Amino acid sequence: MEQPEVIKGFDSLNSSDVVGFRVSFNDSDTDDDEKQLAKQFKIPYQHTKLILKNGQEVKRSGDQWDKETFLKEVNSIL
């Protein structure tokens, strides 16, 4: 249920300075690259949001985000 909301938020951004991607955490679609990313960034469970700025972690959340929350969190870092 969260993914469509986050996509709506991402599509509403007024900045081209944001790159977003989804990583499968631990399901049948998870490949070795995704497992390595989860390990590298210490992702504890599915639905973890991680925001990096200049290669440094600036926000981590396991809470469910709707479009408005996504926009608030991302825009506060831009």
PDB file of N, CA and C in Angstrom:
ATOM      1  N   MET A   1       0.814  -1.200   0.000  1.00  0.00           N
ATOM      2  CA  MET A   1       0.000   0.000   0.000  1.00  0.00           C
ATOM      3  C   MET A   1       0.856   1.263   0.000  1.00  0.00           C
ATOM      4  N   GLU A   2       2.047   1.199   0.545  1.00  0.00           N
ATOM      5  CA  GLU A   2       2.894   2.383   0.648  1.00  0.00           C
ATOM      6  C   GLU A   2       3.533   2.764  -0.686  1.00  0.00           C
ATOM      7  N   GLN A   3       3.923   1.799  -1.477  1.00  0.00           N
ATOM      8  CA  GLN A   3       4.670   2.067  -2.700  1.00  0.00           C
ATOM      9  C   GLN A   3       3.963   3.057  -3.631  1.00  0.00           C
ATOM     10  N   PRO A   4       2.664   2.925  -3.910  1.00  0.00           N
ATOM     11  CA  PRO A   4       2.018   3.907  -4.797  1.00  0.00           C
ATOM     12  C   PRO A   4       2.068   5.329  -4.235  1.00  0.00           C
ATOM     13  N   GLU A   5       1.983   5.475  -2.925  1.00  0.00           N
ATOM     14  CA  GLU A   5       2.050   6.791  -2.302  1.00  0.00           C
ATOM     15  C   GLU A   5       3.434   7.405  -2.462  1.00  0.00           C
ATOM     16  N   VAL A   6       4.468   6.612  -2.250  1.00  0.00           N
ATOM     17  CA  VAL A   6       5.841   7.107  -2.394  1.00  0.00           C
ATOM     18  C   VAL A   6       6.109   7.469  -3.855  1.00  0.00           C
ATOM     19  N   ILE A   7       5.622   6.689  -4.780  1.00  0.00           N
ATOM     20  CA  ILE A   7       5.798   6.998  -6.197  1.00  0.00           C
ATOM     21  C   ILE A   7       5.090   8.303  -6.548  1.00  0.00           C
ATOM     22  N   LYS A   8       3.889   8.513  -6.035  1.00  0.00           N
ATOM     23  CA  LYS A   8       3.189   9.782  -6.267  1.00  0.00           C
ATOM     24  C   LYS A   8       4.009  10.950  -5.728  1.00  0.00           C
ATOM     25  N   GLY A   9       4.573  10.788  -4.546  1.00  0.00           N
ATOM     26  CA  GLY A   9       5.405  11.831  -3.967  1.00  0.00           C
ATOM     27  C   GLY A   9       6.630  12.101  -4.818  1.00  0.00           C
ATOM     28  N   PHE A  10       7.283  11.045  -5.225  1.00  0.00           N
ATOM     29  CA  PHE A  10       8.484  11.187  -6.064  1.00  0.00           C
ATOM     30  C   PHE A  10       8.146  11.908  -7.359  1.00  0.00           C
ATOM     31  N   ASP A  11       7.028  11.536  -7.976  1.00  0.00           N
ATOM     32  CA  ASP A  11       6.620  12.158  -9.235  1.00  0.00           C
ATOM     33  C   ASP A  11       6.231  13.625  -9.050  1.00  0.00           C
ATOM     34  N   SER A  12       5.918  14.034  -7.820  1.00  0.00           N
ATOM     35  CA  SER A  12       5.517  15.411  -7.537  1.00  0.00           C
ATOM     36  C   SER A  12       6.690  16.320  -7.185  1.00  0.00           C
ATOM     37  N   LEU A  13       7.869  15.756  -7.032  1.00  0.00           N
ATOM     38  CA  LEU A  13       9.032  16.574  -6.670  1.00  0.00           C
ATOM     39  C   LEU A  13       9.337  17.596  -7.760  1.00  0.00           C
ATOM     40  N   ASN A  14       9.762  18.767  -7.324  1.00  0.00           N
ATOM     41  CA  ASN A  14      10.138  19.827  -8.256  1.00  0.00           C
ATOM     42  C   ASN A  14      11.647  19.942  -8.377  1.00  0.00           C
ATOM     43  N   SER A  15      12.344  18.853  -8.204  1.00  0.00           N
ATOM     44  CA  SER A  15      13.808  18.867  -8.246  1.00  0.00           C
ATOM     45  C   SER A  15      14.304  17.699  -9.080  1.00  0.00           C
ATOM     46  N   SER A  16      15.319  17.974  -9.865  1.00  0.00           N
ATOM     47  CA  SER A  16      15.953  16.895 -10.630  1.00  0.00           C
ATOM     48  C   SER A  16      17.180  16.365  -9.884  1.00  0.00           C
ATOM     49  N   ASP A  17      17.380  16.839  -8.650  1.00  0.00           N
ATOM     50  CA  ASP A  17      18.545  16.436  -7.858  1.00  0.00           C
ATOM     51  C   ASP A  17      18.284  15.205  -7.003  1.00  0.00           C
ATOM     52  N   VAL A  18      17.149  14.553  -7.188  1.00  0.00           N
ATOM     53  CA  VAL A  18      16.785  13.409  -6.356  1.00  0.00           C
ATOM     54  C   VAL A  18      16.735  12.159  -7.233  1.00  0.00           C
ATOM     55  N   VAL A  19      17.407  11.120  -6.768  1.00  0.00           N
ATOM     56  CA  VAL A  19      17.371   9.825  -7.436  1.00  0.00           C
ATOM     57  C   VAL A  19      16.724   8.852  -6.469  1.00  0.00           C
ATOM     58  N   GLY A  20      15.760   8.099  -6.927  1.00  0.00           N
ATOM     59  CA  GLY A  20      15.088   7.133  -6.069  1.00  0.00           C
ATOM     60  C   GLY A  20      15.116   5.753  -6.692  1.00  0.00           C
ATOM     61  N   PHE A  21      15.177   4.751  -5.838  1.00  0.00           N
ATOM     62  CA  PHE A  21      15.080   3.383  -6.323  1.00  0.00           C
ATOM     63  C   PHE A  21      14.587   2.498  -5.192  1.00  0.00           C
ATOM     64  N   ARG A  22      14.024   1.385  -5.599  1.00  0.00           N
ATOM     65  CA  ARG A  22      13.488   0.403  -4.652  1.00  0.00           C
ATOM     66  C   ARG A  22      14.401  -0.807  -4.671  1.00  0.00           C
ATOM     67  N   VAL A  23      14.654  -1.339  -3.489  1.00  0.00           N
ATOM     68  CA  VAL A  23      15.450  -2.548  -3.358  1.00  0.00           C
ATOM     69  C   VAL A  23      14.589  -3.598  -2.671  1.00  0.00           C
ATOM     70  N   SER A  24      14.439  -4.751  -3.302  1.00  0.00           N
ATOM     71  CA  SER A  24      13.748  -5.855  -2.638  1.00  0.00           C
ATOM     72  C   SER A  24      14.630  -6.328  -1.506  1.00  0.00           C
ATOM     73  N   PHE A  25      14.051  -6.513  -0.358  1.00  0.00           N
ATOM     74  CA  PHE A  25      14.834  -6.793   0.841  1.00  0.00           C
ATOM     75  C   PHE A  25      15.127  -8.273   1.007  1.00  0.00           C
ATOM     76  N   ASN A  26      14.102  -9.056   1.046  1.00  0.00           N
ATOM     77  CA  ASN A  26      14.308 -10.479   1.317  1.00  0.00           C
ATOM     78  C   ASN A  26      13.079 -11.257   0.875  1.00  0.00           C
ATOM     79  N   ASP A  27      12.849 -11.246  -0.427  1.00  0.00           N
ATOM     80  CA  ASP A  27      11.736 -12.015  -0.960  1.00  0.00           C
ATOM     81  C   ASP A  27      12.214 -12.795  -2.185  1.00  0.00           C
ATOM     82  N   SER A  28      11.304 -13.392  -2.893  1.00  0.00           N
ATOM     83  CA  SER A  28      11.704 -14.244  -4.018  1.00  0.00           C
ATOM     84  C   SER A  28      12.319 -13.452  -5.173  1.00  0.00           C
ATOM     85  N   ASP A  29      12.129 -12.110  -5.188  1.00  0.00           N
ATOM     86  CA  ASP A  29      12.690 -11.279  -6.252  1.00  0.00           C
ATOM     87  C   ASP A  29      14.057 -10.690  -5.891  1.00  0.00           C
ATOM     88  N   THR A  30      14.511 -10.907  -4.675  1.00  0.00           N
ATOM     89  CA  THR A  30      15.756 -10.304  -4.216  1.00  0.00           C
ATOM     90  C   THR A  30      16.958 -10.961  -4.890  1.00  0.00           C
ATOM     91  N   ASP A  31      17.808 -10.114  -5.509  1.00  0.00           N
ATOM     92  CA  ASP A  31      19.020 -10.666  -6.120  1.00  0.00           C
ATOM     93  C   ASP A  31      20.231 -10.336  -5.240  1.00  0.00           C
ATOM     94  N   ASP A  32      21.398 -10.801  -5.651  1.00  0.00           N
ATOM     95  CA  ASP A  32      22.605 -10.621  -4.840  1.00  0.00           C
ATOM     96  C   ASP A  32      22.978  -9.146  -4.674  1.00  0.00           C
ATOM     97  N   ASP A  33      22.774  -8.336  -5.717  1.00  0.00           N
ATOM     98  CA  ASP A  33      23.078  -6.907  -5.603  1.00  0.00           C
ATOM     99  C   ASP A  33      22.197  -6.240  -4.551  1.00  0.00           C
ATOM    100  N   GLU A  34      20.929  -6.597  -4.538  1.00  0.00           N
ATOM    101  CA  GLU A  34      20.009  -6.026  -3.552  1.00  0.00           C
ATOM    102  C   GLU A  34      20.378  -6.476  -2.133  1.00  0.00           C
ATOM    103  N   LYS A  35      20.760  -7.720  -1.992  1.00  0.00           N
ATOM    104  CA  LYS A  35      21.190  -8.205  -0.681  1.00  0.00           C
ATOM    105  C   LYS A  35      22.415  -7.435  -0.198  1.00  0.00           C
ATOM    106  N   GLN A  36      23.349  -7.160  -1.116  1.00  0.00           N
ATOM    107  CA  GLN A  36      24.549  -6.402  -0.754  1.00  0.00           C
ATOM    108  C   GLN A  36      24.207  -4.963  -0.355  1.00  0.00           C
ATOM    109  N   LEU A  37      23.292  -4.329  -1.091  1.00  0.00           N
ATOM    110  CA  LEU A  37      22.866  -2.968  -0.732  1.00  0.00           C
ATOM    111  C   LEU A  37      22.237  -2.946   0.654  1.00  0.00           C
ATOM    112  N   ALA A  38      21.357  -3.902   0.919  1.00  0.00           N
ATOM    113  CA  ALA A  38      20.706  -3.971   2.235  1.00  0.00           C
ATOM    114  C   ALA A  38      21.743  -4.153   3.333  1.00  0.00           C
ATOM    115  N   LYS A  39      22.737  -4.974   3.070  1.00  0.00           N
ATOM    116  CA  LYS A  39      23.798  -5.200   4.058  1.00  0.00           C
ATOM    117  C   LYS A  39      24.663  -3.948   4.223  1.00  0.00           C
ATOM    118  N   GLN A  40      25.052  -3.346   3.120  1.00  0.00           N
ATOM    119  CA  GLN A  40      25.906  -2.150   3.153  1.00  0.00           C
ATOM    120  C   GLN A  40      25.260  -1.018   3.946  1.00  0.00           C
ATOM    121  N   PHE A  41      23.951  -0.820   3.752  1.00  0.00           N
ATOM    122  CA  PHE A  41      23.265   0.290   4.405  1.00  0.00           C
ATOM    123  C   PHE A  41      22.520  -0.132   5.671  1.00  0.00           C
ATOM    124  N   LYS A  42      22.762  -1.369   6.106  1.00  0.00           N
ATOM    125  CA  LYS A  42      22.191  -1.879   7.345  1.00  0.00           C
ATOM    126  C   LYS A  42      20.669  -1.709   7.389  1.00  0.00           C
ATOM    127  N   ILE A  43      20.030  -2.187   6.341  1.00  0.00           N
ATOM    128  CA  ILE A  43      18.573  -2.132   6.244  1.00  0.00           C
ATOM    129  C   ILE A  43      18.015  -3.310   7.039  1.00  0.00           C
ATOM    130  N   PRO A  44      17.286  -3.045   8.136  1.00  0.00           N
ATOM    131  CA  PRO A  44      16.842  -4.126   9.008  1.00  0.00           C
ATOM    132  C   PRO A  44      15.605  -4.869   8.513  1.00  0.00           C
ATOM    133  N   TYR A  45      14.759  -4.204   7.729  1.00  0.00           N
ATOM    134  CA  TYR A  45      13.541  -4.860   7.266  1.00  0.00           C
ATOM    135  C   TYR A  45      12.940  -4.104   6.090  1.00  0.00           C
ATOM    136  N   GLN A  46      12.010  -4.786   5.418  1.00  0.00           N
ATOM    137  CA  GLN A  46      11.300  -4.217   4.281  1.00  0.00           C
ATOM    138  C   GLN A  46      10.664  -2.896   4.669  1.00  0.00           C
ATOM    139  N   HIS A  47      10.529  -1.985   3.747  1.00  0.00           N
ATOM    140  CA  HIS A  47       9.882  -0.677   3.916  1.00  0.00           C
ATOM    141  C   HIS A  47      10.751   0.341   4.643  1.00  0.00           C
ATOM    142  N   THR A  48      12.014   0.044   4.825  1.00  0.00           N
ATOM    143  CA  THR A  48      12.916   1.023   5.420  1.00  0.00           C
ATOM    144  C   THR A  48      13.234   2.078   4.369  1.00  0.00           C
ATOM    145  N   LYS A  49      13.025   3.333   4.726  1.00  0.00           N
ATOM    146  CA  LYS A  49      13.394   4.433   3.840  1.00  0.00           C
ATOM    147  C   LYS A  49      14.735   4.976   4.303  1.00  0.00           C
ATOM    148  N   LEU A  50      15.626   5.183   3.362  1.00  0.00           N
ATOM    149  CA  LEU A  50      16.960   5.700   3.657  1.00  0.00           C
ATOM    150  C   LEU A  50      17.226   6.829   2.676  1.00  0.00           C
ATOM    151  N   ILE A  51      17.571   8.001   3.197  1.00  0.00           N
ATOM    152  CA  ILE A  51      17.884   9.140   2.346  1.00  0.00           C
ATOM    153  C   ILE A  51      19.351   9.496   2.561  1.00  0.00           C
ATOM    154  N   LEU A  52      20.078   9.565   1.452  1.00  0.00           N
ATOM    155  CA  LEU A  52      21.489   9.944   1.473  1.00  0.00           C
ATOM    156  C   LEU A  52      21.632  11.305   0.808  1.00  0.00           C
ATOM    157  N   LYS A  53      22.541  12.106   1.324  1.00  0.00           N
ATOM    158  CA  LYS A  53      22.888  13.378   0.695  1.00  0.00           C
ATOM    159  C   LYS A  53      24.402  13.452   0.659  1.00  0.00           C
ATOM    160  N   ASN A  54      24.929  13.624  -0.534  1.00  0.00           N
ATOM    161  CA  ASN A  54      26.385  13.630  -0.730  1.00  0.00           C
ATOM    162  C   ASN A  54      27.030  12.369  -0.150  1.00  0.00           C
ATOM    163  N   GLY A  55      26.341  11.244  -0.305  1.00  0.00           N
ATOM    164  CA  GLY A  55      26.871   9.966   0.141  1.00  0.00           C
ATOM    165  C   GLY A  55      26.726   9.671   1.621  1.00  0.00           C
ATOM    166  N   GLN A  56      26.132  10.594   2.374  1.00  0.00           N
ATOM    167  CA  GLN A  56      25.973  10.420   3.812  1.00  0.00           C
ATOM    168  C   GLN A  56      24.502  10.237   4.175  1.00  0.00           C
ATOM    169  N   GLU A  57      24.236   9.332   5.092  1.00  0.00           N
ATOM    170  CA  GLU A  57      22.862   9.120   5.545  1.00  0.00           C
ATOM    171  C   GLU A  57      22.370  10.344   6.312  1.00  0.00           C
ATOM    172  N   VAL A  58      21.212  10.870   5.897  1.00  0.00           N
ATOM    173  CA  VAL A  58      20.624  12.020   6.584  1.00  0.00           C
ATOM    174  C   VAL A  58      19.237  11.720   7.140  1.00  0.00           C
ATOM    175  N   LYS A  59      18.633  10.604   6.707  1.00  0.00           N
ATOM    176  CA  LYS A  59      17.310  10.238   7.214  1.00  0.00           C
ATOM    177  C   LYS A  59      17.118   8.750   7.052  1.00  0.00           C
ATOM    178  N   ARG A  60      16.557   8.140   8.091  1.00  0.00           N
ATOM    179  CA  ARG A  60      16.202   6.719   8.075  1.00  0.00           C
ATOM    180  C   ARG A  60      14.857   6.599   8.770  1.00  0.00           C
ATOM    181  N   SER A  61      13.956   5.847   8.160  1.00  0.00           N
ATOM    182  CA  SER A  61      12.640   5.676   8.767  1.00  0.00           C
ATOM    183  C   SER A  61      12.056   4.327   8.387  1.00  0.00           C
ATOM    184  N   GLY A  62      11.433   3.704   9.345  1.00  0.00           N
ATOM    185  CA  GLY A  62      10.690   2.473   9.111  1.00  0.00           C
ATOM    186  C   GLY A  62       9.193   2.713   9.140  1.00  0.00           C
ATOM    187  N   ASP A  63       8.816   3.987   9.366  1.00  0.00           N
ATOM    188  CA  ASP A  63       7.397   4.339   9.398  1.00  0.00           C
ATOM    189  C   ASP A  63       6.802   4.281   8.004  1.00  0.00           C
ATOM    190  N   GLN A  64       5.501   4.084   7.950  1.00  0.00           N
ATOM    191  CA  GLN A  64       4.820   4.096   6.662  1.00  0.00           C
ATOM    192  C   GLN A  64       4.644   5.547   6.222  1.00  0.00           C
ATOM    193  N   TRP A  65       4.993   5.841   4.981  1.00  0.00           N
ATOM    194  CA  TRP A  65       4.895   7.194   4.445  1.00  0.00           C
ATOM    195  C   TRP A  65       3.805   7.257   3.395  1.00  0.00           C
ATOM    196  N   ASP A  66       3.019   8.339   3.452  1.00  0.00           N
ATOM    197  CA  ASP A  66       2.115   8.653   2.361  1.00  0.00           C
ATOM    198  C   ASP A  66       2.786   9.722   1.504  1.00  0.00           C
ATOM    199  N   LYS A  67       2.113  10.186   0.487  1.00  0.00           N
ATOM    200  CA  LYS A  67       2.690  11.172  -0.429  1.00  0.00           C
ATOM    201  C   LYS A  67       3.143  12.422   0.318  1.00  0.00           C
ATOM    202  N   GLU A  68       2.301  12.931   1.206  1.00  0.00           N
ATOM    203  CA  GLU A  68       2.622  14.166   1.921  1.00  0.00           C
ATOM    204  C   GLU A  68       3.840  13.994   2.825  1.00  0.00           C
ATOM    205  N   THR A  69       3.934  12.874   3.505  1.00  0.00           N
ATOM    206  CA  THR A  69       5.087  12.613   4.373  1.00  0.00           C
ATOM    207  C   THR A  69       6.353  12.509   3.544  1.00  0.00           C
ATOM    208  N   PHE A  70       6.272  11.800   2.429  1.00  0.00           N
ATOM    209  CA  PHE A  70       7.424  11.676   1.544  1.00  0.00           C
ATOM    210  C   PHE A  70       7.920  13.053   1.119  1.00  0.00           C
ATOM    211  N   LEU A  71       7.006  13.906   0.643  1.00  0.00           N
ATOM    212  CA  LEU A  71       7.390  15.232   0.184  1.00  0.00           C
ATOM    213  C   LEU A  71       7.977  16.076   1.312  1.00  0.00           C
ATOM    214  N   LYS A  72       7.384  15.999   2.492  1.00  0.00           N
ATOM    215  CA  LYS A  72       7.887  16.773   3.634  1.00  0.00           C
ATOM    216  C   LYS A  72       9.302  16.340   3.975  1.00  0.00           C
ATOM    217  N   GLU A  73       9.535  15.043   4.067  1.00  0.00           N
ATOM    218  CA  GLU A  73      10.842  14.527   4.463  1.00  0.00           C
ATOM    219  C   GLU A  73      11.922  14.847   3.415  1.00  0.00           C
ATOM    220  N   VAL A  74      11.615  14.619   2.163  1.00  0.00           N
ATOM    221  CA  VAL A  74      12.599  14.859   1.102  1.00  0.00           C
ATOM    222  C   VAL A  74      12.872  16.362   0.949  1.00  0.00           C
ATOM    223  N   ASN A  75      11.828  17.165   0.923  1.00  0.00           N
ATOM    224  CA  ASN A  75      12.021  18.594   0.736  1.00  0.00           C
ATOM    225  C   ASN A  75      12.753  19.237   1.908  1.00  0.00           C
ATOM    226  N   SER A  76      12.647  18.662   3.102  1.00  0.00           N
ATOM    227  CA  SER A  76      13.353  19.220   4.247  1.00  0.00           C
ATOM    228  C   SER A  76      14.866  19.023   4.121  1.00  0.00           C
ATOM    229  N   ILE A  77      15.277  18.094   3.265  1.00  0.00           N
ATOM    230  CA  ILE A  77      16.702  17.788   3.098  1.00  0.00           C
ATOM    231  C   ILE A  77      17.285  18.496   1.874  1.00  0.00           C
ATOM    232  N   LEU A  78      16.423  18.805   0.911  1.00  0.00           N
ATOM    233  CA  LEU A  78      16.925  19.464  -0.310  1.00  0.00           C
ATOM    234  C   LEU A  78      17.423  20.810   0.020  1.00  0.00           C
TER     235      LEU A  78
END
